[in-house]
Amino acid sequence: MFIKVRKNCGIYMDHNGLEQRHLVPVTSNFLVNLDHVAEISFYTIKEAKTRYDLEQHEVIVPPHTRVIHLQMSYLHGTHKETINEKKAQLAERCFYKLYFMPEEMGQYEEIRNQIETKVLNQ
């Protein structure tokens, strides 16, 4: 099953392909294949957080921003062969965080409701 994220001025995204503490606005529609997602969590930001866009400008994530955190399966990850200069292998799974700012209208509820319909033990 796919979920569609529509471009919207109230939605930002973070993923582990970006530098830490960076956000990008969602500027085009895209689909996420839920068959490749291992874990999903929903939470709300309780206090303001400072993040940065790609041009290093500050982006303030206000309280009451809702987040959908998608942790992908191990098939969608990277492997490191050395960790702290020692031979080892670490599988780092890809993740995507969708930040729905408080002024965003409706997409968060729509996406969450579609995900919730696939949950067996409600």
Protein backbone atom coordinates (compact mmCIF):
# COMPACT_ATOMS: atom_id res chain seq x y z
CA MET A 1 0.00 0.00 0.00
CA PHE A 2 1.21 3.49 -0.82
CA ILE A 3 0.49 6.72 0.99
CA LYS A 4 0.67 9.96 -0.93
CA VAL A 5 2.26 13.02 0.64
CA ARG A 6 1.08 16.14 -1.14
CA LYS A 7 3.20 19.25 -1.46
CA ASN A 8 2.17 21.74 1.14
CA CYS A 9 3.72 24.79 2.77
CA GLY A 10 3.04 23.33 6.23
CA ILE A 11 4.92 20.03 5.78
CA TYR A 12 8.66 19.50 6.19
CA MET A 13 10.75 16.35 5.92
CA ASP A 14 13.91 15.00 7.52
CA HIS A 15 15.75 11.82 6.56
CA ASN A 16 19.13 10.32 7.21
CA GLY A 17 20.40 11.46 3.81
CA LEU A 18 20.44 15.01 5.22
CA GLU A 19 22.87 16.47 7.71
CA GLN A 20 21.68 16.28 11.30
CA ARG A 21 19.22 18.97 12.41
CA HIS A 22 18.21 19.84 8.85
CA LEU A 23 14.70 20.01 7.39
CA VAL A 24 13.45 20.46 3.85
CA PRO A 25 9.99 21.61 2.85
CA VAL A 26 7.86 19.19 0.86
CA THR A 27 7.72 20.92 -2.54
CA SER A 28 6.37 18.09 -4.68
CA ASN A 29 4.01 15.16 -4.27
CA PHE A 30 5.54 11.77 -3.51
CA LEU A 31 4.48 8.25 -2.53
CA VAL A 32 5.75 6.11 0.33
CA ASN A 33 5.44 2.33 0.01
CA LEU A 34 4.23 1.12 3.41
CA ASP A 35 5.33 -2.42 2.52
CA HIS A 36 8.93 -1.21 2.98
CA VAL A 37 8.30 0.41 6.37
CA ALA A 38 9.28 -1.60 9.46
CA GLU A 39 8.11 0.81 12.18
CA ILE A 40 5.89 3.87 12.33
CA SER A 41 5.57 6.23 15.25
CA PHE A 42 3.43 9.30 15.79
CA TYR A 43 4.31 12.05 18.22
CA THR A 44 3.91 15.76 18.88
CA ILE A 45 6.72 18.24 19.47
CA LYS A 46 6.26 19.68 22.99
CA GLU A 47 8.75 22.58 22.85
CA ALA A 48 10.19 24.73 20.07
CA LYS A 49 13.20 23.23 18.26
CA THR A 50 15.69 24.93 15.97
CA ARG A 51 16.52 23.22 12.69
CA TYR A 52 18.17 24.45 9.49
CA ASP A 53 17.20 24.43 5.83
CA LEU A 54 19.63 23.53 3.04
CA GLU A 55 20.96 27.12 2.92
CA GLN A 56 21.71 27.04 6.68
CA HIS A 57 18.82 29.39 7.56
CA GLU A 58 17.12 28.69 10.87
CA VAL A 59 13.74 26.96 10.81
CA ILE A 60 11.85 27.03 14.10
CA VAL A 61 9.72 23.93 14.66
CA PRO A 62 6.96 25.21 16.95
CA PRO A 63 5.27 23.29 19.76
CA HIS A 64 2.27 21.19 18.69
CA THR A 65 3.99 20.17 15.44
CA ARG A 66 2.93 16.60 14.69
CA VAL A 67 5.47 14.09 13.39
CA ILE A 68 5.13 10.80 11.54
CA HIS A 69 8.41 8.84 11.84
CA LEU A 70 8.81 6.06 9.24
CA GLN A 71 11.64 3.63 9.97
CA MET A 72 12.33 1.57 6.85
CA SER A 73 13.11 -2.14 6.80
CA TYR A 74 16.71 -3.43 6.86
CA LEU A 75 16.59 -3.93 3.10
CA HIS A 76 16.57 -0.15 2.81
CA GLY A 77 19.70 0.78 4.68
CA THR A 78 23.42 1.19 4.43
CA HIS A 79 26.23 -0.94 5.83
CA LYS A 80 29.41 0.31 7.44
CA GLU A 81 32.34 -2.06 7.50
CA THR A 82 34.42 -0.15 10.06
CA ILE A 83 33.19 1.52 13.22
CA ASN A 84 35.61 3.69 15.19
CA GLU A 85 38.46 2.24 13.11
CA LYS A 86 37.59 -1.33 14.13
CA LYS A 87 36.37 -3.99 11.76
CA ALA A 88 32.65 -4.48 12.29
CA GLN A 89 29.44 -4.22 10.36
CA LEU A 90 26.60 -1.87 11.16
CA ALA A 91 23.31 -1.78 9.28
CA GLU A 92 21.79 1.69 9.44
CA ARG A 93 18.16 1.72 8.36
CA CYS A 94 16.78 4.65 6.42
CA PHE A 95 14.18 6.79 8.11
CA TYR A 96 11.88 9.58 7.10
CA LYS A 97 10.24 12.08 9.44
CA LEU A 98 7.33 14.14 8.22
CA TYR A 99 6.76 17.31 10.25
CA PHE A 100 3.23 18.69 10.04
CA MET A 101 3.29 22.27 11.32
CA PRO A 102 0.34 23.36 13.48
CA GLU A 103 -1.14 25.45 10.63
CA GLU A 104 -1.12 22.47 8.23
CA MET A 105 -4.68 21.56 7.36
CA GLY A 106 -5.77 17.95 7.25
CA GLN A 107 -3.06 15.88 5.60
CA TYR A 108 -1.70 14.59 8.90
CA GLU A 109 -5.10 13.21 9.93
CA GLU A 110 -5.69 11.76 6.46
CA ILE A 111 -2.35 9.93 6.40
CA ARG A 112 -2.62 8.76 10.01
CA ASN A 113 -6.15 7.43 9.47
CA GLN A 114 -5.02 5.47 6.42
CA ILE A 115 -2.16 3.92 8.40
CA GLU A 116 -4.46 3.16 11.35
CA THR A 117 -6.84 1.19 9.08
CA LYS A 118 -3.99 -1.32 8.58
CA VAL A 119 -3.47 -1.85 12.33
CA LEU A 120 -5.01 -5.11 13.59
CA ASN A 121 -5.30 -4.55 17.34
CA GLN A 122 -6.89 -1.13 17.62
